[in-house]
Amino acid sequence: MTAIQGSLAALEHKIEAVFIDVNLLRDALRNVADKVTTAEATIKTLQGKVSSLKQQMVRMSTLSGELERRLENAEGKLCCSNIYVLGFSERAKDSSAESFLEYWMRKEL
C-alpha cells in the first residue's frame, strides 16, 4: 500500500504542476490577447490618421492647383497692366488719336 500511496502522491504532485503550468499558460495567453487588442486599436488609430493625411494631401493638391491658377491669372493681369502702361506712355508721347487697342495690335504685329 505504501508504494501505491507514494505513486498517488507523486501523481498528485504532477497534476498540481500541470495545473500550475496551465494557469501560467492561461495568464500568458491573456497577456498576449491584451497586447493583440492594444495592437488592433493602434492599427485602427493609425489607419484613421493615414486616411486623414490622404484627405489633407488631396486638399493641399487642390489648393496648390488653385494657387497656381491664381498666380498665372495674376501674372497675366500684371503683364496686361504693363502693356497698358507702356502703351499709355507711348500714346502720351505720341499724342496721336489712335485707340489703345489699335496701338497694342500694331505693337504685337
C-alpha atoms as a PDB file:
ATOM      1  CA  MET A   1       0.000   0.000   0.000  1.00  0.00           C
ATOM      2  CA  THR A   2       2.884   2.312   0.673  1.00  0.00           C
ATOM      3  CA  ALA A   3       4.067   2.049  -2.927  1.00  0.00           C
ATOM      4  CA  ILE A   4       0.579   2.885  -4.156  1.00  0.00           C
ATOM      5  CA  GLN A   5       0.351   5.844  -1.774  1.00  0.00           C
ATOM      6  CA  GLY A   6       3.764   7.021  -2.953  1.00  0.00           C
ATOM      7  CA  SER A   7       2.688   6.708  -6.581  1.00  0.00           C
ATOM      8  CA  LEU A   8      -0.549   8.588  -5.839  1.00  0.00           C
ATOM      9  CA  ALA A   9       1.364  11.330  -4.047  1.00  0.00           C
ATOM     10  CA  ALA A  10       3.758  11.618  -6.999  1.00  0.00           C
ATOM     11  CA  LEU A  11       0.804  11.676  -9.398  1.00  0.00           C
ATOM     12  CA  GLU A  12      -0.930  14.391  -7.328  1.00  0.00           C
ATOM     13  CA  HIS A  13       2.286  16.411  -7.381  1.00  0.00           C
ATOM     14  CA  LYS A  14       2.496  16.067 -11.184  1.00  0.00           C
ATOM     15  CA  ILE A  15      -1.183  17.020 -11.558  1.00  0.00           C
ATOM     16  CA  GLU A  16      -0.624  20.122  -9.390  1.00  0.00           C
ATOM     17  CA  ALA A  17       2.403  21.003 -11.524  1.00  0.00           C
ATOM     18  CA  VAL A  18       0.283  20.617 -14.668  1.00  0.00           C
ATOM     19  CA  PHE A  19      -2.427  22.866 -13.155  1.00  0.00           C
ATOM     20  CA  ILE A  20       0.222  25.450 -12.288  1.00  0.00           C
ATOM     21  CA  ASP A  21       1.586  25.239 -15.847  1.00  0.00           C
ATOM     22  CA  VAL A  22      -1.942  25.520 -17.268  1.00  0.00           C
ATOM     23  CA  ASN A  23      -2.641  28.588 -15.097  1.00  0.00           C
ATOM     24  CA  LEU A  24       0.646  30.195 -16.166  1.00  0.00           C
ATOM     25  CA  LEU A  25      -0.145  29.425 -19.792  1.00  0.00           C
ATOM     26  CA  ARG A  26      -3.656  30.882 -19.408  1.00  0.00           C
ATOM     27  CA  ASP A  27      -2.216  34.078 -17.879  1.00  0.00           C
ATOM     28  CA  ALA A  28       0.339  34.312 -20.674  1.00  0.00           C
ATOM     29  CA  LEU A  29      -2.407  33.885 -23.284  1.00  0.00           C
ATOM     30  CA  ARG A  30      -4.459  36.621 -21.607  1.00  0.00           C
ATOM     31  CA  ASN A  31      -1.442  38.934 -21.755  1.00  0.00           C
ATOM     32  CA  VAL A  32      -0.981  38.120 -25.432  1.00  0.00           C
ATOM     33  CA  ALA A  33      -4.693  38.721 -26.080  1.00  0.00           C
ATOM     34  CA  ASP A  34      -4.468  42.094 -24.308  1.00  0.00           C
ATOM     35  CA  LYS A  35      -1.453  43.041 -26.404  1.00  0.00           C
ATOM     36  CA  VAL A  36      -3.239  41.962 -29.593  1.00  0.00           C
ATOM     37  CA  THR A  37      -6.252  44.084 -28.620  1.00  0.00           C
ATOM     38  CA  THR A  38      -3.960  47.055 -27.975  1.00  0.00           C
ATOM     39  CA  ALA A  39      -2.197  46.480 -31.303  1.00  0.00           C
ATOM     40  CA  GLU A  40      -5.548  46.329 -33.136  1.00  0.00           C
ATOM     41  CA  ALA A  41      -6.622  49.607 -31.543  1.00  0.00           C
ATOM     42  CA  THR A  42      -3.297  51.176 -32.510  1.00  0.00           C
ATOM     43  CA  ILE A  43      -3.693  49.936 -36.086  1.00  0.00           C
ATOM     44  CA  LYS A  44      -7.202  51.432 -36.295  1.00  0.00           C
ATOM     45  CA  THR A  45      -5.894  54.732 -34.932  1.00  0.00           C
ATOM     46  CA  LEU A  46      -3.059  54.745 -37.462  1.00  0.00           C
ATOM     47  CA  GLN A  47      -5.463  53.887 -40.288  1.00  0.00           C
ATOM     48  CA  GLY A  48      -7.574  56.881 -39.274  1.00  0.00           C
ATOM     49  CA  LYS A  49      -4.508  59.111 -39.272  1.00  0.00           C
ATOM     50  CA  VAL A  50      -3.398  57.802 -42.673  1.00  0.00           C
ATOM     51  CA  SER A  51      -6.881  58.460 -44.049  1.00  0.00           C
ATOM     52  CA  SER A  52      -6.802  61.971 -42.608  1.00  0.00           C
ATOM     53  CA  LEU A  53      -3.364  62.584 -44.122  1.00  0.00           C
ATOM     54  CA  LYS A  54      -4.593  61.369 -47.516  1.00  0.00           C
ATOM     55  CA  GLN A  55      -7.522  63.790 -47.316  1.00  0.00           C
ATOM     56  CA  GLN A  56      -5.150  66.609 -46.368  1.00  0.00           C
ATOM     57  CA  MET A  57      -2.903  65.732 -49.306  1.00  0.00           C
ATOM     58  CA  VAL A  58      -5.878  65.890 -51.670  1.00  0.00           C
ATOM     59  CA  ARG A  59      -6.908  69.256 -50.201  1.00  0.00           C
ATOM     60  CA  MET A  60      -3.345  70.553 -50.448  1.00  0.00           C
ATOM     61  CA  SER A  61      -3.107  69.376 -54.045  1.00  0.00           C
ATOM     62  CA  THR A  62      -6.389  71.119 -54.823  1.00  0.00           C
ATOM     63  CA  LEU A  63      -5.218  74.282 -53.073  1.00  0.00           C
ATOM     64  CA  SER A  64      -1.887  74.087 -54.869  1.00  0.00           C
ATOM     65  CA  GLY A  65      -3.686  73.890 -58.200  1.00  0.00           C
ATOM     66  CA  GLU A  66      -5.927  76.803 -57.225  1.00  0.00           C
ATOM     67  CA  LEU A  67      -2.942  78.879 -56.111  1.00  0.00           C
ATOM     68  CA  GLU A  68      -1.113  78.045 -59.326  1.00  0.00           C
ATOM     69  CA  ARG A  69      -4.154  79.101 -61.353  1.00  0.00           C
ATOM     70  CA  ARG A  70      -4.442  82.343 -59.391  1.00  0.00           C
ATOM     71  CA  LEU A  71      -0.732  83.042 -59.810  1.00  0.00           C
ATOM     72  CA  GLU A  72      -0.978  82.524 -63.562  1.00  0.00           C
ATOM     73  CA  ASN A  73      -4.035  84.784 -63.622  1.00  0.00           C
ATOM     74  CA  ALA A  74      -2.202  87.441 -61.594  1.00  0.00           C
ATOM     75  CA  GLU A  75       0.836  87.164 -63.861  1.00  0.00           C
ATOM     76  CA  GLY A  76      -1.426  87.598 -66.874  1.00  0.00           C
ATOM     77  CA  LYS A  77      -3.057  90.663 -65.345  1.00  0.00           C
ATOM     78  CA  LEU A  78       0.335  92.104 -64.447  1.00  0.00           C
ATOM     79  CA  CYS A  79       1.556  91.529 -67.973  1.00  0.00           C
ATOM     80  CA  CYS A  80      -1.559  93.217 -69.386  1.00  0.00           C
ATOM     81  CA  SER A  81      -1.114  96.089 -66.927  1.00  0.00           C
ATOM     82  CA  ASN A  82       2.479  96.546 -68.028  1.00  0.00           C
ATOM     83  CA  ILE A  83       1.441  96.516 -71.680  1.00  0.00           C
ATOM     84  CA  TYR A  84      -1.301  99.038 -70.921  1.00  0.00           C
ATOM     85  CA  VAL A  85       1.086 101.318 -69.012  1.00  0.00           C
ATOM     86  CA  LEU A  86       3.671 101.080 -71.776  1.00  0.00           C
ATOM     87  CA  GLY A  87       1.001 101.718 -74.360  1.00  0.00           C
ATOM     88  CA  PHE A  88      -0.349 104.669 -72.411  1.00  0.00           C
ATOM     89  CA  SER A  89       3.160 106.113 -72.073  1.00  0.00           C
ATOM     90  CA  GLU A  90       3.792 105.699 -75.788  1.00  0.00           C
ATOM     91  CA  ARG A  91       0.426 107.270 -76.593  1.00  0.00           C
ATOM     92  CA  ALA A  92       1.124 110.167 -74.262  1.00  0.00           C
ATOM     93  CA  LYS A  93       4.442 110.770 -76.016  1.00  0.00           C
ATOM     94  CA  ASP A  94       2.903 110.177 -79.396  1.00  0.00           C
ATOM     95  CA  SER A  95      -0.211 112.251 -78.698  1.00  0.00           C
ATOM     96  CA  SER A  96      -1.910 110.516 -81.600  1.00  0.00           C
ATOM     97  CA  ALA A  97      -5.651 109.815 -81.535  1.00  0.00           C
ATOM     98  CA  GLU A  98      -5.413 106.059 -82.120  1.00  0.00           C
ATOM     99  CA  SER A  99      -7.026 103.800 -79.552  1.00  0.00           C
ATOM    100  CA  PHE A 100      -5.019 101.695 -77.181  1.00  0.00           C
ATOM    101  CA  LEU A 101      -6.267  98.533 -78.856  1.00  0.00           C
ATOM    102  CA  GLU A 102      -5.009  99.707 -82.229  1.00  0.00           C
ATOM    103  CA  TYR A 103      -1.676 100.618 -80.684  1.00  0.00           C
ATOM    104  CA  TRP A 104      -1.399  97.288 -78.920  1.00  0.00           C
ATOM    105  CA  MET A 105      -2.343  95.297 -82.022  1.00  0.00           C
ATOM    106  CA  ARG A 106       0.235  97.211 -84.039  1.00  0.00           C
ATOM    107  CA  LYS A 107       2.843  96.660 -81.321  1.00  0.00           C
ATOM    108  CA  GLU A 108       2.145  92.907 -81.228  1.00  0.00           C
ATOM    109  CA  LEU A 109       2.498  92.538 -85.002  1.00  0.00           C
END
